[in-house]
């Protein structure tokens, strides 16, 4: 089992910035991809960004150029730097990891991000 704990959410005005952090613990051997998803009220959970074991990153089109994902391999942490936030970025942000060899997924509890206009 992998435990994920997110932090860094909050309320911010449009145009502002937030930094999310996620710490992985437990059975962390063979963690492959780490990433962030979000879910807005009434909408499905969607990928925001993810980073592979080799450092390759993928971003949702809606956040490209504004958000940056990074990973500390030694500390088993993943971060999401969010700049130029928009009201449509509001939602619960979830940390996610998958493990080799079967791609087993683990989720954090989520952290609320609210962007006011």
C-alpha atoms as a PDB file:
ATOM      1  CA  UNK A   1       0.000   0.000   0.000  1.00  0.00           C
ATOM      2  CA  UNK A   2       1.029   3.573  -0.685  1.00  0.00           C
ATOM      3  CA  UNK A   3      -0.199   6.466   1.414  1.00  0.00           C
ATOM      4  CA  UNK A   4      -0.409   9.897  -0.179  1.00  0.00           C
ATOM      5  CA  UNK A   5      -0.841  13.122   1.746  1.00  0.00           C
ATOM      6  CA  UNK A   6      -1.503  16.371  -0.096  1.00  0.00           C
ATOM      7  CA  UNK A   7      -1.018  19.873   1.233  1.00  0.00           C
ATOM      8  CA  UNK A   8      -0.980  23.426  -0.044  1.00  0.00           C
ATOM      9  CA  UNK A   9      -4.531  24.020  -1.186  1.00  0.00           C
ATOM     10  CA  UNK A  10      -6.499  27.085  -0.267  1.00  0.00           C
ATOM     11  CA  UNK A  11      -8.349  30.156  -1.432  1.00  0.00           C
ATOM     12  CA  UNK A  12      -6.645  32.529  -3.847  1.00  0.00           C
ATOM     13  CA  UNK A  13      -7.728  35.349  -6.114  1.00  0.00           C
ATOM     14  CA  UNK A  14      -7.627  34.986  -9.873  1.00  0.00           C
ATOM     15  CA  UNK A  15      -4.121  35.598 -11.131  1.00  0.00           C
ATOM     16  CA  UNK A  16      -2.575  34.306  -7.946  1.00  0.00           C
ATOM     17  CA  UNK A  17      -0.394  31.298  -7.261  1.00  0.00           C
ATOM     18  CA  UNK A  18      -0.429  28.186  -5.117  1.00  0.00           C
ATOM     19  CA  UNK A  19       1.955  25.295  -4.654  1.00  0.00           C
ATOM     20  CA  UNK A  20       0.633  21.828  -3.921  1.00  0.00           C
ATOM     21  CA  UNK A  21       2.752  19.125  -2.341  1.00  0.00           C
ATOM     22  CA  UNK A  22       2.198  15.388  -2.070  1.00  0.00           C
ATOM     23  CA  UNK A  23       4.207  13.041   0.108  1.00  0.00           C
ATOM     24  CA  UNK A  24       4.244   9.330  -0.627  1.00  0.00           C
ATOM     25  CA  UNK A  25       4.944   6.778   2.074  1.00  0.00           C
ATOM     26  CA  UNK A  26       4.510   3.089   2.710  1.00  0.00           C
ATOM     27  CA  UNK A  27       5.319   0.651  -0.077  1.00  0.00           C
ATOM     28  CA  UNK A  28       7.036   3.196  -2.297  1.00  0.00           C
ATOM     29  CA  UNK A  29       9.284   0.794  -4.135  1.00  0.00           C
ATOM     30  CA  UNK A  30       8.520   0.681  -7.853  1.00  0.00           C
ATOM     31  CA  UNK A  31       6.494   3.893  -7.952  1.00  0.00           C
ATOM     32  CA  UNK A  32       6.376   4.807 -11.605  1.00  0.00           C
ATOM     33  CA  UNK A  33       4.301   7.870 -12.450  1.00  0.00           C
ATOM     34  CA  UNK A  34       3.263  10.569 -10.002  1.00  0.00           C
ATOM     35  CA  UNK A  35       0.666  13.129 -10.886  1.00  0.00           C
ATOM     36  CA  UNK A  36      -2.181  15.456 -10.071  1.00  0.00           C
ATOM     37  CA  UNK A  37      -5.830  15.210 -11.011  1.00  0.00           C
ATOM     38  CA  UNK A  38      -8.666  17.567 -10.177  1.00  0.00           C
ATOM     39  CA  UNK A  39     -12.402  17.369  -9.877  1.00  0.00           C
ATOM     40  CA  UNK A  40     -14.669  20.373 -10.102  1.00  0.00           C
ATOM     41  CA  UNK A  41     -18.217  20.260  -8.727  1.00  0.00           C
ATOM     42  CA  UNK A  42     -20.471  18.296 -11.048  1.00  0.00           C
ATOM     43  CA  UNK A  43     -17.610  17.270 -13.314  1.00  0.00           C
ATOM     44  CA  UNK A  44     -15.501  14.197 -13.787  1.00  0.00           C
ATOM     45  CA  UNK A  45     -12.032  13.905 -12.373  1.00  0.00           C
ATOM     46  CA  UNK A  46      -9.459  14.982 -14.950  1.00  0.00           C
ATOM     47  CA  UNK A  47      -5.723  14.798 -15.368  1.00  0.00           C
ATOM     48  CA  UNK A  48      -3.881  18.024 -14.602  1.00  0.00           C
ATOM     49  CA  UNK A  49      -0.261  16.904 -14.913  1.00  0.00           C
ATOM     50  CA  UNK A  50       1.903  13.864 -14.359  1.00  0.00           C
ATOM     51  CA  UNK A  51       5.585  13.035 -14.325  1.00  0.00           C
ATOM     52  CA  UNK A  52       7.139   9.704 -15.086  1.00  0.00           C
ATOM     53  CA  UNK A  53      10.023   7.938 -13.423  1.00  0.00           C
ATOM     54  CA  UNK A  54      12.346   9.341 -16.089  1.00  0.00           C
ATOM     55  CA  UNK A  55      11.103  12.893 -15.657  1.00  0.00           C
ATOM     56  CA  UNK A  56       8.860  13.073 -18.691  1.00  0.00           C
ATOM     57  CA  UNK A  57       5.904  15.379 -18.062  1.00  0.00           C
ATOM     58  CA  UNK A  58       2.394  15.586 -19.466  1.00  0.00           C
ATOM     59  CA  UNK A  59       0.017  18.499 -18.932  1.00  0.00           C
ATOM     60  CA  UNK A  60      -3.616  19.130 -19.649  1.00  0.00           C
ATOM     61  CA  UNK A  61      -3.962  21.711 -22.400  1.00  0.00           C
ATOM     62  CA  UNK A  62      -5.844  24.008 -20.039  1.00  0.00           C
ATOM     63  CA  UNK A  63      -2.866  24.366 -17.690  1.00  0.00           C
ATOM     64  CA  UNK A  64       0.069  24.372 -20.090  1.00  0.00           C
ATOM     65  CA  UNK A  65       2.295  27.376 -19.519  1.00  0.00           C
ATOM     66  CA  UNK A  66       0.742  28.095 -16.124  1.00  0.00           C
ATOM     67  CA  UNK A  67       1.344  24.950 -14.046  1.00  0.00           C
ATOM     68  CA  UNK A  68       4.597  23.101 -13.456  1.00  0.00           C
ATOM     69  CA  UNK A  69       4.907  19.622 -12.013  1.00  0.00           C
ATOM     70  CA  UNK A  70       8.105  18.501 -10.344  1.00  0.00           C
ATOM     71  CA  UNK A  71       9.263  15.512  -8.391  1.00  0.00           C
ATOM     72  CA  UNK A  72      11.766  14.871  -5.618  1.00  0.00           C
ATOM     73  CA  UNK A  73      12.801  11.259  -6.116  1.00  0.00           C
ATOM     74  CA  UNK A  74      14.805  11.093  -2.896  1.00  0.00           C
ATOM     75  CA  UNK A  75      11.927  12.357  -0.765  1.00  0.00           C
ATOM     76  CA  UNK A  76       9.170  10.598  -2.735  1.00  0.00           C
ATOM     77  CA  UNK A  77       7.324  13.837  -3.205  1.00  0.00           C
ATOM     78  CA  UNK A  78       5.591  15.498  -6.108  1.00  0.00           C
ATOM     79  CA  UNK A  79       4.747  19.171  -6.409  1.00  0.00           C
ATOM     80  CA  UNK A  80       2.435  21.279  -8.522  1.00  0.00           C
ATOM     81  CA  UNK A  81       3.299  24.934  -8.943  1.00  0.00           C
ATOM     82  CA  UNK A  82       0.189  26.766 -10.121  1.00  0.00           C
ATOM     83  CA  UNK A  83       0.478  30.301 -11.467  1.00  0.00           C
ATOM     84  CA  UNK A  84      -1.970  32.669 -13.138  1.00  0.00           C
ATOM     85  CA  UNK A  85      -4.813  30.799 -11.528  1.00  0.00           C
ATOM     86  CA  UNK A  86      -8.283  31.121 -12.988  1.00  0.00           C
ATOM     87  CA  UNK A  87     -11.704  30.504 -11.435  1.00  0.00           C
ATOM     88  CA  UNK A  88     -12.051  27.449 -13.658  1.00  0.00           C
ATOM     89  CA  UNK A  89      -9.068  25.913 -11.860  1.00  0.00           C
ATOM     90  CA  UNK A  90     -11.270  25.552  -8.784  1.00  0.00           C
ATOM     91  CA  UNK A  91     -11.706  21.993  -7.581  1.00  0.00           C
ATOM     92  CA  UNK A  92     -10.390  19.247  -5.387  1.00  0.00           C
ATOM     93  CA  UNK A  93      -6.874  18.306  -6.401  1.00  0.00           C
ATOM     94  CA  UNK A  94      -5.833  14.704  -5.922  1.00  0.00           C
ATOM     95  CA  UNK A  95      -2.370  13.241  -5.878  1.00  0.00           C
ATOM     96  CA  UNK A  96      -2.001   9.982  -7.778  1.00  0.00           C
ATOM     97  CA  UNK A  97       0.757   7.438  -8.222  1.00  0.00           C
ATOM     98  CA  UNK A  98       0.993   4.184 -10.077  1.00  0.00           C
ATOM     99  CA  UNK A  99       3.316   1.306  -9.372  1.00  0.00           C
ATOM    100  CA  UNK A 100       5.087  -1.215 -11.489  1.00  0.00           C
ATOM    101  CA  UNK A 101       4.627  -3.842 -12.723  1.00  0.00           C
ATOM    102  CA  UNK A 102       0.828  -3.775 -12.882  1.00  0.00           C
ATOM    103  CA  UNK A 103       0.102  -0.041 -12.868  1.00  0.00           C
ATOM    104  CA  UNK A 104      -1.728  -0.196  -9.555  1.00  0.00           C
ATOM    105  CA  UNK A 105      -3.123   3.239  -8.747  1.00  0.00           C
ATOM    106  CA  UNK A 106      -3.180   5.023  -5.418  1.00  0.00           C
ATOM    107  CA  UNK A 107      -4.972   8.249  -4.540  1.00  0.00           C
ATOM    108  CA  UNK A 108      -4.632  10.876  -1.881  1.00  0.00           C
ATOM    109  CA  UNK A 109      -7.556  12.349   0.020  1.00  0.00           C
ATOM    110  CA  UNK A 110      -7.522  15.541  -2.004  1.00  0.00           C
ATOM    111  CA  UNK A 111      -6.951  19.190  -1.244  1.00  0.00           C
ATOM    112  CA  UNK A 112      -9.366  21.982  -2.099  1.00  0.00           C
ATOM    113  CA  UNK A 113      -8.274  24.783  -4.399  1.00  0.00           C
ATOM    114  CA  UNK A 114     -10.648  27.706  -4.772  1.00  0.00           C
ATOM    115  CA  UNK A 115      -9.931  30.585  -7.130  1.00  0.00           C
ATOM    116  CA  UNK A 116     -12.129  33.630  -6.713  1.00  0.00           C
ATOM    117  CA  UNK A 117     -12.820  36.052  -9.532  1.00  0.00           C
END
